[in-house]
C-alpha cells in the first residue's frame, strides 16, 4: 500500500522552474532531510552520477541495512523499494515512480505461485529477489544473481527445492550445482530479448572481445559467453581483466559504470532482437528521471508502506539470504 495524496500518475508531476539547478537542489534536499539516494546499475546515467550509492540488488539490500539516513530513496524498480522497506521498517522509503515495475516480478503473481508451491508441501522455496513482498512472504530464502549459486549449493544434493521466478537463472544454477530444482516459468523481458545471431555477428566484428553475460539470459547466449555473472560480477570481471574489449549481455545501464572504472576499455552492448535498437534497455528502469527524483525528495512521495504482518513474513526470507551470503 502507498500514500496516494498528490499522486495522480504514480509520481509527483509538479512543474519545476527552469531557473532551478535541479542537481544542486537534490543534493541540498538530501542534506536537509538526511536522505540517501540508492541507485541500481541499470538506472539512467545522470541518476547513477548523483546517487550516494550504486549497486546491484544484493548490494542495495545490504546498504539499506547499514544506512543511518532517515529517508532512503530507491532509484530502481518497485521490488527494490519494497526490499528496502522490509529491511528498514522505521525509515521512510521513497521511490521516484511507482510505475517502475519489473517484468520478472510480474511473471510471478502471488496467487498463482501459492497454488504452485502448495502442490509440493515438502519442498523448500527459493525465490529470486526480483519478486513482490507477497511472494517473498511465501519464500524460505531469497537469492540474487550474485549469491544464488552459493546459497543453493548449501542445500543437500538430494534436497527438494522450488526456484522462482526466473527459469533461465534457475536452469543455470541447476547446471552448475547438479541440483534438480523445480523451476517457475518466469523471465526478465530484457534478458530474454538478446539476439544470439546478432551477438555472433558482433563477435566477428570484434574477434578479441569477450562476451560477458548475465545468468538471466537464455541458455544459447550463456553457452557462447566467456564469463557469466551478476551485474556486479560482470563489472568486477571487466575491471580486473587485461582484455580491452567486451560485449555486454545485460541491461546496458551497467556500461556507464564500466566506462567510468575503465576509461581505456571498450564496452559494446549486446543487441536485442529488435533491429531498430543497438542496445537493450529496461523501460521500467528508465521511468526514473532527475525531475521525478527532485519532486520525490521535495514532497517525500511516493512512499513505500507495507502491512507489518506481511513485512515480517517477507523479512525472514531476506534475512536468511543475507545470513547465507
C-alpha atoms as a PDB file:
ATOM      1  CA  UNK A   1       0.000   0.000   0.000  1.00  0.00           C
ATOM      2  CA  UNK A   2       1.161   3.528  -0.648  1.00  0.00           C
ATOM      3  CA  UNK A   3       0.419   7.096   0.332  1.00  0.00           C
ATOM      4  CA  UNK A   4      -1.605   8.402  -2.600  1.00  0.00           C
ATOM      5  CA  UNK A   5      -2.229  12.099  -1.910  1.00  0.00           C
ATOM      6  CA  UNK A   6      -0.693  14.251  -4.661  1.00  0.00           C
ATOM      7  CA  UNK A   7      -0.129  11.133  -6.750  1.00  0.00           C
ATOM      8  CA  UNK A   8      -2.114  11.058  -9.964  1.00  0.00           C
ATOM      9  CA  UNK A   9       0.267   9.242 -12.284  1.00  0.00           C
ATOM     10  CA  UNK A  10       2.300   7.117  -9.872  1.00  0.00           C
ATOM     11  CA  UNK A  11       4.715  10.020  -9.367  1.00  0.00           C
ATOM     12  CA  UNK A  12       4.576  13.693  -8.381  1.00  0.00           C
ATOM     13  CA  UNK A  13       4.015  15.603 -11.604  1.00  0.00           C
ATOM     14  CA  UNK A  14       4.920  19.028 -10.220  1.00  0.00           C
ATOM     15  CA  UNK A  15       6.279  21.513 -12.754  1.00  0.00           C
ATOM     16  CA  UNK A  16       9.856  22.508 -11.932  1.00  0.00           C
ATOM     17  CA  UNK A  17      11.114  26.007 -12.670  1.00  0.00           C
ATOM     18  CA  UNK A  18      13.741  26.182 -15.404  1.00  0.00           C
ATOM     19  CA  UNK A  19      15.717  28.505 -13.110  1.00  0.00           C
ATOM     20  CA  UNK A  20      16.357  25.704 -10.628  1.00  0.00           C
ATOM     21  CA  UNK A  21      19.661  23.855 -10.724  1.00  0.00           C
ATOM     22  CA  UNK A  22      17.996  20.520 -10.181  1.00  0.00           C
ATOM     23  CA  UNK A  23      21.160  18.581  -9.328  1.00  0.00           C
ATOM     24  CA  UNK A  24      22.202  21.090  -6.657  1.00  0.00           C
ATOM     25  CA  UNK A  25      18.643  21.171  -5.290  1.00  0.00           C
ATOM     26  CA  UNK A  26      18.584  17.386  -4.980  1.00  0.00           C
ATOM     27  CA  UNK A  27      21.880  17.479  -3.087  1.00  0.00           C
ATOM     28  CA  UNK A  28      20.526  20.204  -0.783  1.00  0.00           C
ATOM     29  CA  UNK A  29      17.319  18.297  -0.073  1.00  0.00           C
ATOM     30  CA  UNK A  30      19.321  15.187   0.801  1.00  0.00           C
ATOM     31  CA  UNK A  31      21.329  17.157   3.365  1.00  0.00           C
ATOM     32  CA  UNK A  32      18.294  18.925   4.836  1.00  0.00           C
ATOM     33  CA  UNK A  33      16.275  15.708   5.148  1.00  0.00           C
ATOM     34  CA  UNK A  34      19.117  13.302   5.978  1.00  0.00           C
ATOM     35  CA  UNK A  35      18.228  11.310   2.869  1.00  0.00           C
ATOM     36  CA  UNK A  36      20.325   8.839   0.928  1.00  0.00           C
ATOM     37  CA  UNK A  37      19.869   8.037  -2.759  1.00  0.00           C
ATOM     38  CA  UNK A  38      20.493   4.416  -3.712  1.00  0.00           C
ATOM     39  CA  UNK A  39      20.542   3.592  -7.411  1.00  0.00           C
ATOM     40  CA  UNK A  40      20.762   0.368  -9.358  1.00  0.00           C
ATOM     41  CA  UNK A  41      23.357  -0.001 -12.116  1.00  0.00           C
ATOM     42  CA  UNK A  42      20.532  -0.053 -14.688  1.00  0.00           C
ATOM     43  CA  UNK A  43      19.408   3.483 -13.889  1.00  0.00           C
ATOM     44  CA  UNK A  44      19.905   6.397 -16.318  1.00  0.00           C
ATOM     45  CA  UNK A  45      23.448   7.773 -16.214  1.00  0.00           C
ATOM     46  CA  UNK A  46      22.513  11.078 -14.570  1.00  0.00           C
ATOM     47  CA  UNK A  47      20.825   9.281 -11.672  1.00  0.00           C
ATOM     48  CA  UNK A  48      23.793   6.973 -11.178  1.00  0.00           C
ATOM     49  CA  UNK A  49      26.054  10.035 -11.062  1.00  0.00           C
ATOM     50  CA  UNK A  50      24.053  11.789  -8.340  1.00  0.00           C
ATOM     51  CA  UNK A  51      23.411   8.726  -6.171  1.00  0.00           C
ATOM     52  CA  UNK A  52      25.208   8.277  -2.866  1.00  0.00           C
ATOM     53  CA  UNK A  53      25.426   4.561  -3.510  1.00  0.00           C
ATOM     54  CA  UNK A  54      25.064   2.435  -6.637  1.00  0.00           C
ATOM     55  CA  UNK A  55      24.999  -1.327  -6.810  1.00  0.00           C
ATOM     56  CA  UNK A  56      23.141  -4.473  -7.777  1.00  0.00           C
ATOM     57  CA  UNK A  57      20.152  -5.885  -5.870  1.00  0.00           C
ATOM     58  CA  UNK A  58      22.230  -7.605  -3.194  1.00  0.00           C
ATOM     59  CA  UNK A  59      24.410  -4.558  -2.567  1.00  0.00           C
ATOM     60  CA  UNK A  60      21.372  -2.268  -2.330  1.00  0.00           C
ATOM     61  CA  UNK A  61      19.768  -4.573   0.247  1.00  0.00           C
ATOM     62  CA  UNK A  62      22.976  -4.741   2.270  1.00  0.00           C
ATOM     63  CA  UNK A  63      23.430  -0.975   2.121  1.00  0.00           C
ATOM     64  CA  UNK A  64      19.841  -0.349   3.212  1.00  0.00           C
ATOM     65  CA  UNK A  65      20.539  -2.364   6.360  1.00  0.00           C
ATOM     66  CA  UNK A  66      23.571  -0.230   7.203  1.00  0.00           C
ATOM     67  CA  UNK A  67      22.405   3.305   6.461  1.00  0.00           C
ATOM     68  CA  UNK A  68      21.856   5.865   9.224  1.00  0.00           C
ATOM     69  CA  UNK A  69      19.741   8.097   6.994  1.00  0.00           C
ATOM     70  CA  UNK A  70      16.145   8.919   7.893  1.00  0.00           C
ATOM     71  CA  UNK A  71      14.973   8.672   4.277  1.00  0.00           C
ATOM     72  CA  UNK A  72      16.007   6.113   1.672  1.00  0.00           C
ATOM     73  CA  UNK A  73      15.246   6.982  -1.951  1.00  0.00           C
ATOM     74  CA  UNK A  74      15.478   3.852  -4.063  1.00  0.00           C
ATOM     75  CA  UNK A  75      16.113   4.599  -7.722  1.00  0.00           C
ATOM     76  CA  UNK A  76      15.447   1.284  -9.344  1.00  0.00           C
ATOM     77  CA  UNK A  77      12.264  -0.698  -9.732  1.00  0.00           C
ATOM     78  CA  UNK A  78       9.365  -1.320  -7.393  1.00  0.00           C
ATOM     79  CA  UNK A  79      10.507  -4.530  -5.692  1.00  0.00           C
ATOM     80  CA  UNK A  80      13.793  -2.840  -4.703  1.00  0.00           C
ATOM     81  CA  UNK A  81      11.855  -0.188  -2.793  1.00  0.00           C
ATOM     82  CA  UNK A  82       9.857  -2.924  -1.080  1.00  0.00           C
ATOM     83  CA  UNK A  83      13.037  -4.772  -0.134  1.00  0.00           C
ATOM     84  CA  UNK A  84      14.462  -1.630   1.472  1.00  0.00           C
ATOM     85  CA  UNK A  85      11.239  -1.085   3.441  1.00  0.00           C
ATOM     86  CA  UNK A  86      11.151  -4.719   4.553  1.00  0.00           C
ATOM     87  CA  UNK A  87      14.661  -4.357   5.967  1.00  0.00           C
ATOM     88  CA  UNK A  88      14.171  -0.799   7.297  1.00  0.00           C
ATOM     89  CA  UNK A  89      10.624  -0.573   8.693  1.00  0.00           C
ATOM     90  CA  UNK A  90      11.396   2.520  10.777  1.00  0.00           C
ATOM     91  CA  UNK A  91      12.798   4.528   7.879  1.00  0.00           C
ATOM     92  CA  UNK A  92      10.849   6.376   5.212  1.00  0.00           C
ATOM     93  CA  UNK A  93      11.418   4.646   1.870  1.00  0.00           C
ATOM     94  CA  UNK A  94      10.625   6.579  -1.296  1.00  0.00           C
ATOM     95  CA  UNK A  95      10.684   5.712  -4.988  1.00  0.00           C
ATOM     96  CA  UNK A  96      10.568   8.335  -7.762  1.00  0.00           C
ATOM     97  CA  UNK A  97       7.911   6.485  -9.807  1.00  0.00           C
ATOM     98  CA  UNK A  98       5.594   3.702  -8.634  1.00  0.00           C
ATOM     99  CA  UNK A  99       5.135   2.647 -12.257  1.00  0.00           C
ATOM    100  CA  UNK A 100       8.722   1.370 -12.359  1.00  0.00           C
ATOM    101  CA  UNK A 101       7.769  -2.280 -12.108  1.00  0.00           C
ATOM    102  CA  UNK A 102       9.603  -5.439 -13.110  1.00  0.00           C
ATOM    103  CA  UNK A 103       8.595  -7.900 -15.808  1.00  0.00           C
ATOM    104  CA  UNK A 104      10.202 -10.730 -13.845  1.00  0.00           C
ATOM    105  CA  UNK A 105       8.259  -9.915 -10.670  1.00  0.00           C
ATOM    106  CA  UNK A 106       5.098  -9.555 -12.780  1.00  0.00           C
ATOM    107  CA  UNK A 107       5.675 -13.030 -14.225  1.00  0.00           C
ATOM    108  CA  UNK A 108       5.110 -14.498 -10.752  1.00  0.00           C
ATOM    109  CA  UNK A 109       1.650 -13.477  -9.436  1.00  0.00           C
ATOM    110  CA  UNK A 110       1.378 -14.376  -5.763  1.00  0.00           C
ATOM    111  CA  UNK A 111      -1.884 -16.323  -6.123  1.00  0.00           C
ATOM    112  CA  UNK A 112      -0.537 -18.499  -8.933  1.00  0.00           C
ATOM    113  CA  UNK A 113       2.790 -19.025  -7.175  1.00  0.00           C
ATOM    114  CA  UNK A 114       1.000 -20.033  -3.974  1.00  0.00           C
ATOM    115  CA  UNK A 115      -1.067 -22.589  -5.876  1.00  0.00           C
ATOM    116  CA  UNK A 116       2.120 -23.976  -7.398  1.00  0.00           C
ATOM    117  CA  UNK A 117       4.062 -24.405  -4.163  1.00  0.00           C
ATOM    118  CA  UNK A 118       1.061 -25.982  -2.391  1.00  0.00           C
ATOM    119  CA  UNK A 119       1.416 -28.885  -4.798  1.00  0.00           C
ATOM    120  CA  UNK A 120       4.853 -29.569  -3.275  1.00  0.00           C
ATOM    121  CA  UNK A 121       4.402 -29.148   0.501  1.00  0.00           C
ATOM    122  CA  UNK A 122       7.731 -30.784   1.419  1.00  0.00           C
ATOM    123  CA  UNK A 123       9.819 -28.522  -0.846  1.00  0.00           C
ATOM    124  CA  UNK A 124      11.970 -25.577   0.228  1.00  0.00           C
ATOM    125  CA  UNK A 125      11.024 -22.434  -1.686  1.00  0.00           C
ATOM    126  CA  UNK A 126      13.876 -20.322  -3.068  1.00  0.00           C
ATOM    127  CA  UNK A 127      12.854 -17.066  -4.723  1.00  0.00           C
ATOM    128  CA  UNK A 128      14.861 -14.580  -6.708  1.00  0.00           C
ATOM    129  CA  UNK A 129      14.820 -11.173  -5.022  1.00  0.00           C
ATOM    130  CA  UNK A 130      13.087  -9.821  -8.161  1.00  0.00           C
ATOM    131  CA  UNK A 131       9.679 -10.589  -6.634  1.00  0.00           C
ATOM    132  CA  UNK A 132       6.958  -8.791  -4.721  1.00  0.00           C
ATOM    133  CA  UNK A 133       6.843  -8.669  -0.928  1.00  0.00           C
ATOM    134  CA  UNK A 134       3.862 -11.049  -1.067  1.00  0.00           C
ATOM    135  CA  UNK A 135       5.913 -13.678  -2.929  1.00  0.00           C
ATOM    136  CA  UNK A 136       8.827 -13.185  -0.552  1.00  0.00           C
ATOM    137  CA  UNK A 137       6.398 -13.923   2.302  1.00  0.00           C
ATOM    138  CA  UNK A 138       5.814 -17.389   0.782  1.00  0.00           C
ATOM    139  CA  UNK A 139       9.555 -17.961   0.391  1.00  0.00           C
ATOM    140  CA  UNK A 140      12.031 -19.757   2.658  1.00  0.00           C
ATOM    141  CA  UNK A 141      15.105 -17.971   1.344  1.00  0.00           C
ATOM    142  CA  UNK A 142      15.643 -15.266  -1.265  1.00  0.00           C
ATOM    143  CA  UNK A 143      18.622 -15.109  -3.598  1.00  0.00           C
ATOM    144  CA  UNK A 144      20.141 -12.639  -6.028  1.00  0.00           C
ATOM    145  CA  UNK A 145      22.143 -13.435  -9.137  1.00  0.00           C
ATOM    146  CA  UNK A 146      25.239 -12.684  -7.047  1.00  0.00           C
ATOM    147  CA  UNK A 147      24.614 -15.265  -4.343  1.00  0.00           C
ATOM    148  CA  UNK A 148      22.168 -17.757  -5.919  1.00  0.00           C
ATOM    149  CA  UNK A 149      24.766 -20.410  -6.704  1.00  0.00           C
ATOM    150  CA  UNK A 150      26.392 -20.098  -3.267  1.00  0.00           C
ATOM    151  CA  UNK A 151      23.079 -20.385  -1.422  1.00  0.00           C
ATOM    152  CA  UNK A 152      21.649 -23.252  -3.493  1.00  0.00           C
ATOM    153  CA  UNK A 153      24.907 -25.174  -3.103  1.00  0.00           C
ATOM    154  CA  UNK A 154      24.476 -25.098   0.687  1.00  0.00           C
ATOM    155  CA  UNK A 155      21.429 -27.364   0.465  1.00  0.00           C
ATOM    156  CA  UNK A 156      21.980 -31.153   0.391  1.00  0.00           C
ATOM    157  CA  UNK A 157      22.227 -32.577  -3.113  1.00  0.00           C
ATOM    158  CA  UNK A 158      19.012 -34.547  -2.632  1.00  0.00           C
ATOM    159  CA  UNK A 159      17.092 -31.542  -1.213  1.00  0.00           C
ATOM    160  CA  UNK A 160      13.688 -30.866  -2.733  1.00  0.00           C
ATOM    161  CA  UNK A 161      13.790 -27.283  -3.972  1.00  0.00           C
ATOM    162  CA  UNK A 162      11.496 -24.919  -5.838  1.00  0.00           C
ATOM    163  CA  UNK A 163      13.131 -21.977  -7.609  1.00  0.00           C
ATOM    164  CA  UNK A 164      11.224 -18.984  -8.895  1.00  0.00           C
ATOM    165  CA  UNK A 165      10.574 -16.963 -10.820  1.00  0.00           C
ATOM    166  CA  UNK A 166      13.427 -16.817 -13.366  1.00  0.00           C
ATOM    167  CA  UNK A 167      13.644 -20.051 -15.347  1.00  0.00           C
ATOM    168  CA  UNK A 168      16.905 -19.031 -17.047  1.00  0.00           C
ATOM    169  CA  UNK A 169      18.722 -18.307 -13.801  1.00  0.00           C
ATOM    170  CA  UNK A 170      17.234 -21.447 -12.241  1.00  0.00           C
ATOM    171  CA  UNK A 171      18.353 -23.592 -15.161  1.00  0.00           C
ATOM    172  CA  UNK A 172      21.844 -22.095 -14.970  1.00  0.00           C
ATOM    173  CA  UNK A 173      22.064 -22.787 -11.225  1.00  0.00           C
ATOM    174  CA  UNK A 174      20.858 -26.360 -11.765  1.00  0.00           C
ATOM    175  CA  UNK A 175      23.543 -26.898 -14.393  1.00  0.00           C
ATOM    176  CA  UNK A 176      26.344 -25.532 -12.213  1.00  0.00           C
ATOM    177  CA  UNK A 177      25.337 -27.188  -8.934  1.00  0.00           C
ATOM    178  CA  UNK A 178      23.967 -30.515 -10.171  1.00  0.00           C
ATOM    179  CA  UNK A 179      20.674 -29.758  -8.429  1.00  0.00           C
ATOM    180  CA  UNK A 180      17.282 -30.560  -9.931  1.00  0.00           C
ATOM    181  CA  UNK A 181      15.188 -27.651  -8.663  1.00  0.00           C
ATOM    182  CA  UNK A 182      11.620 -27.288  -9.865  1.00  0.00           C
ATOM    183  CA  UNK A 183      11.505 -24.048 -11.855  1.00  0.00           C
ATOM    184  CA  UNK A 184       8.736 -21.471 -12.035  1.00  0.00           C
ATOM    185  CA  UNK A 185       8.200 -20.366 -15.635  1.00  0.00           C
ATOM    186  CA  UNK A 186       9.113 -16.680 -15.424  1.00  0.00           C
ATOM    187  CA  UNK A 187      11.693 -14.486 -17.155  1.00  0.00           C
ATOM    188  CA  UNK A 188      13.076 -10.954 -17.499  1.00  0.00           C
ATOM    189  CA  UNK A 189      11.945  -9.272 -20.715  1.00  0.00           C
ATOM    190  CA  UNK A 190      15.326  -7.549 -21.131  1.00  0.00           C
ATOM    191  CA  UNK A 191      17.497 -10.646 -20.834  1.00  0.00           C
ATOM    192  CA  UNK A 192      15.096 -12.749 -22.910  1.00  0.00           C
ATOM    193  CA  UNK A 193      15.459 -10.408 -25.893  1.00  0.00           C
ATOM    194  CA  UNK A 194      19.136 -10.727 -26.673  1.00  0.00           C
ATOM    195  CA  UNK A 195      19.708 -11.932 -30.214  1.00  0.00           C
ATOM    196  CA  UNK A 196      22.143 -14.841 -30.439  1.00  0.00           C
ATOM    197  CA  UNK A 197      22.589 -14.255 -34.176  1.00  0.00           C
ATOM    198  CA  UNK A 198      23.480 -10.580 -33.712  1.00  0.00           C
ATOM    199  CA  UNK A 199      25.876 -11.421 -30.890  1.00  0.00           C
ATOM    200  CA  UNK A 200      27.622 -13.903 -33.194  1.00  0.00           C
ATOM    201  CA  UNK A 201      27.931 -11.153 -35.800  1.00  0.00           C
ATOM    202  CA  UNK A 202      29.350  -8.778 -33.188  1.00  0.00           C
ATOM    203  CA  UNK A 203      31.932 -11.391 -32.243  1.00  0.00           C
ATOM    204  CA  UNK A 204      33.050 -11.433 -35.892  1.00  0.00           C
ATOM    205  CA  UNK A 205      33.476  -7.635 -35.885  1.00  0.00           C
ATOM    206  CA  UNK A 206      35.253  -7.719 -32.518  1.00  0.00           C
ATOM    207  CA  UNK A 207      37.186 -11.011 -32.545  1.00  0.00           C
ATOM    208  CA  UNK A 208      39.191 -10.095 -29.457  1.00  0.00           C
ATOM    209  CA  UNK A 209      36.194  -9.041 -27.393  1.00  0.00           C
ATOM    210  CA  UNK A 210      34.966 -11.185 -24.504  1.00  0.00           C
ATOM    211  CA  UNK A 211      31.240 -11.796 -24.151  1.00  0.00           C
ATOM    212  CA  UNK A 212      30.056 -11.130 -20.588  1.00  0.00           C
ATOM    213  CA  UNK A 213      26.518 -12.376 -19.889  1.00  0.00           C
ATOM    214  CA  UNK A 214      24.053 -12.197 -17.015  1.00  0.00           C
ATOM    215  CA  UNK A 215      22.632 -15.599 -15.963  1.00  0.00           C
ATOM    216  CA  UNK A 216      19.096 -14.356 -16.699  1.00  0.00           C
ATOM    217  CA  UNK A 217      19.971 -14.674 -20.404  1.00  0.00           C
ATOM    218  CA  UNK A 218      18.753 -17.654 -22.402  1.00  0.00           C
ATOM    219  CA  UNK A 219      20.932 -20.757 -22.460  1.00  0.00           C
ATOM    220  CA  UNK A 220      22.286 -20.324 -26.042  1.00  0.00           C
ATOM    221  CA  UNK A 221      23.686 -16.906 -25.085  1.00  0.00           C
ATOM    222  CA  UNK A 222      25.200 -18.322 -21.898  1.00  0.00           C
ATOM    223  CA  UNK A 223      26.849 -21.149 -23.845  1.00  0.00           C
ATOM    224  CA  UNK A 224      28.561 -18.559 -26.039  1.00  0.00           C
ATOM    225  CA  UNK A 225      29.639 -16.366 -23.112  1.00  0.00           C
ATOM    226  CA  UNK A 226      33.236 -16.078 -21.944  1.00  0.00           C
ATOM    227  CA  UNK A 227      32.066 -15.134 -18.462  1.00  0.00           C
ATOM    228  CA  UNK A 228      28.683 -15.443 -16.709  1.00  0.00           C
ATOM    229  CA  UNK A 229      27.853 -13.457 -13.600  1.00  0.00           C
ATOM    230  CA  UNK A 230      25.681 -10.965 -11.790  1.00  0.00           C
ATOM    231  CA  UNK A 231      25.761  -7.287 -12.698  1.00  0.00           C
ATOM    232  CA  UNK A 232      28.383  -6.669 -10.029  1.00  0.00           C
ATOM    233  CA  UNK A 233      30.393  -9.709 -11.104  1.00  0.00           C
ATOM    234  CA  UNK A 234      30.419  -8.541 -14.731  1.00  0.00           C
ATOM    235  CA  UNK A 235      31.699  -5.134 -13.608  1.00  0.00           C
ATOM    236  CA  UNK A 236      34.398  -6.715 -11.458  1.00  0.00           C
ATOM    237  CA  UNK A 237      35.495  -9.083 -14.210  1.00  0.00           C
ATOM    238  CA  UNK A 238      35.776  -6.303 -16.792  1.00  0.00           C
ATOM    239  CA  UNK A 239      37.764  -4.172 -14.368  1.00  0.00           C
ATOM    240  CA  UNK A 240      40.214  -6.924 -13.433  1.00  0.00           C
ATOM    241  CA  UNK A 241      40.651  -8.373 -16.928  1.00  0.00           C
ATOM    242  CA  UNK A 242      43.580  -7.491 -19.188  1.00  0.00           C
ATOM    243  CA  UNK A 243      41.217  -7.626 -22.178  1.00  0.00           C
ATOM    244  CA  UNK A 244      40.280  -4.224 -23.605  1.00  0.00           C
ATOM    245  CA  UNK A 245      37.056  -5.040 -25.495  1.00  0.00           C
ATOM    246  CA  UNK A 246      33.869  -6.552 -24.089  1.00  0.00           C
ATOM    247  CA  UNK A 247      30.397  -7.358 -25.411  1.00  0.00           C
ATOM    248  CA  UNK A 248      27.918  -6.876 -22.563  1.00  0.00           C
ATOM    249  CA  UNK A 249      24.789  -9.060 -22.459  1.00  0.00           C
ATOM    250  CA  UNK A 250      22.791  -7.413 -19.708  1.00  0.00           C
ATOM    251  CA  UNK A 251      20.876  -4.149 -19.338  1.00  0.00           C
ATOM    252  CA  UNK A 252      23.074  -1.510 -20.919  1.00  0.00           C
ATOM    253  CA  UNK A 253      22.959   0.856 -17.928  1.00  0.00           C
ATOM    254  CA  UNK A 254      25.889  -1.007 -16.372  1.00  0.00           C
ATOM    255  CA  UNK A 255      28.136   0.182 -19.210  1.00  0.00           C
ATOM    256  CA  UNK A 256      28.162   3.683 -17.700  1.00  0.00           C
ATOM    257  CA  UNK A 257      29.934   2.429 -14.566  1.00  0.00           C
ATOM    258  CA  UNK A 258      32.130   0.082 -16.595  1.00  0.00           C
ATOM    259  CA  UNK A 259      33.386   3.030 -18.650  1.00  0.00           C
ATOM    260  CA  UNK A 260      33.943   5.170 -15.554  1.00  0.00           C
ATOM    261  CA  UNK A 261      36.070   2.480 -13.934  1.00  0.00           C
ATOM    262  CA  UNK A 262      37.808   1.503 -17.178  1.00  0.00           C
ATOM    263  CA  UNK A 263      38.160   4.575 -19.422  1.00  0.00           C
ATOM    264  CA  UNK A 264      40.701   2.896 -21.691  1.00  0.00           C
ATOM    265  CA  UNK A 265      38.491  -0.129 -22.433  1.00  0.00           C
ATOM    266  CA  UNK A 266      35.647  -0.514 -24.935  1.00  0.00           C
ATOM    267  CA  UNK A 267      32.230  -1.864 -23.997  1.00  0.00           C
ATOM    268  CA  UNK A 268      29.763  -2.901 -26.697  1.00  0.00           C
ATOM    269  CA  UNK A 269      26.136  -3.533 -25.720  1.00  0.00           C
ATOM    270  CA  UNK A 270      24.752  -6.849 -26.961  1.00  0.00           C
ATOM    271  CA  UNK A 271      21.824  -6.120 -29.278  1.00  0.00           C
ATOM    272  CA  UNK A 272      18.232  -7.276 -28.767  1.00  0.00           C
ATOM    273  CA  UNK A 273      16.059  -8.951 -31.373  1.00  0.00           C
ATOM    274  CA  UNK A 274      14.582  -5.569 -32.321  1.00  0.00           C
ATOM    275  CA  UNK A 275      16.812  -4.464 -35.190  1.00  0.00           C
ATOM    276  CA  UNK A 276      15.980  -0.764 -34.636  1.00  0.00           C
ATOM    277  CA  UNK A 277      17.924  -0.627 -31.363  1.00  0.00           C
ATOM    278  CA  UNK A 278      21.625  -1.231 -30.804  1.00  0.00           C
ATOM    279  CA  UNK A 279      21.331  -1.766 -27.034  1.00  0.00           C
ATOM    280  CA  UNK A 280      18.927  -3.401 -24.606  1.00  0.00           C
ATOM    281  CA  UNK A 281      17.318  -1.139 -22.011  1.00  0.00           C
ATOM    282  CA  UNK A 282      14.695  -1.814 -19.335  1.00  0.00           C
ATOM    283  CA  UNK A 283      11.787   0.516 -19.962  1.00  0.00           C
ATOM    284  CA  UNK A 284      10.814   0.297 -16.283  1.00  0.00           C
ATOM    285  CA  UNK A 285      14.260   1.325 -15.027  1.00  0.00           C
ATOM    286  CA  UNK A 286      14.231   4.294 -17.421  1.00  0.00           C
ATOM    287  CA  UNK A 287      10.995   5.706 -15.946  1.00  0.00           C
ATOM    288  CA  UNK A 288      13.006   7.341 -13.174  1.00  0.00           C
ATOM    289  CA  UNK A 289      14.278  10.833 -14.015  1.00  0.00           C
ATOM    290  CA  UNK A 290      16.040  13.676 -12.205  1.00  0.00           C
ATOM    291  CA  UNK A 291      12.769  15.635 -12.203  1.00  0.00           C
ATOM    292  CA  UNK A 292      10.875  12.810 -10.529  1.00  0.00           C
ATOM    293  CA  UNK A 293      13.722  12.331  -8.068  1.00  0.00           C
ATOM    294  CA  UNK A 294      13.610  16.027  -7.147  1.00  0.00           C
ATOM    295  CA  UNK A 295       9.841  16.011  -6.584  1.00  0.00           C
ATOM    296  CA  UNK A 296      10.102  12.735  -4.697  1.00  0.00           C
ATOM    297  CA  UNK A 297      12.518  14.301  -2.211  1.00  0.00           C
ATOM    298  CA  UNK A 298      10.632  17.603  -2.031  1.00  0.00           C
ATOM    299  CA  UNK A 299       7.222  16.075  -1.258  1.00  0.00           C
ATOM    300  CA  UNK A 300       8.508  12.806   0.276  1.00  0.00           C
ATOM    301  CA  UNK A 301       6.261  10.844  -2.057  1.00  0.00           C
ATOM    302  CA  UNK A 302       5.634   8.213  -3.365  1.00  0.00           C
ATOM    303  CA  UNK A 303       6.320   6.329  -0.142  1.00  0.00           C
ATOM    304  CA  UNK A 304       6.507   2.564   0.160  1.00  0.00           C
ATOM    305  CA  UNK A 305       4.363   1.220   3.001  1.00  0.00           C
ATOM    306  CA  UNK A 306       3.956  -2.476   3.777  1.00  0.00           C
ATOM    307  CA  UNK A 307       1.499  -4.019   6.244  1.00  0.00           C
ATOM    308  CA  UNK A 308       3.520  -5.194   9.239  1.00  0.00           C
ATOM    309  CA  UNK A 309       2.359  -8.816   9.201  1.00  0.00           C
ATOM    310  CA  UNK A 310       3.340  -9.178   5.567  1.00  0.00           C
ATOM    311  CA  UNK A 311       6.608  -7.332   6.142  1.00  0.00           C
ATOM    312  CA  UNK A 312       7.660  -9.698   8.935  1.00  0.00           C
ATOM    313  CA  UNK A 313       6.922 -12.776   6.816  1.00  0.00           C
ATOM    314  CA  UNK A 314       8.862 -11.379   3.858  1.00  0.00           C
ATOM    315  CA  UNK A 315      11.732 -10.264   6.083  1.00  0.00           C
ATOM    316  CA  UNK A 316      12.535 -13.831   7.148  1.00  0.00           C
ATOM    317  CA  UNK A 317      13.438 -14.898   3.598  1.00  0.00           C
ATOM    318  CA  UNK A 318      15.650 -11.843   3.037  1.00  0.00           C
ATOM    319  CA  UNK A 319      17.443 -12.139   6.366  1.00  0.00           C
ATOM    320  CA  UNK A 320      18.128 -15.795   5.670  1.00  0.00           C
ATOM    321  CA  UNK A 321      19.598 -14.790   2.316  1.00  0.00           C
ATOM    322  CA  UNK A 322      21.893 -12.257   3.959  1.00  0.00           C
ATOM    323  CA  UNK A 323      22.961 -14.845   6.546  1.00  0.00           C
ATOM    324  CA  UNK A 324      23.687 -17.493   3.907  1.00  0.00           C
ATOM    325  CA  UNK A 325      25.579 -14.994   1.752  1.00  0.00           C
END
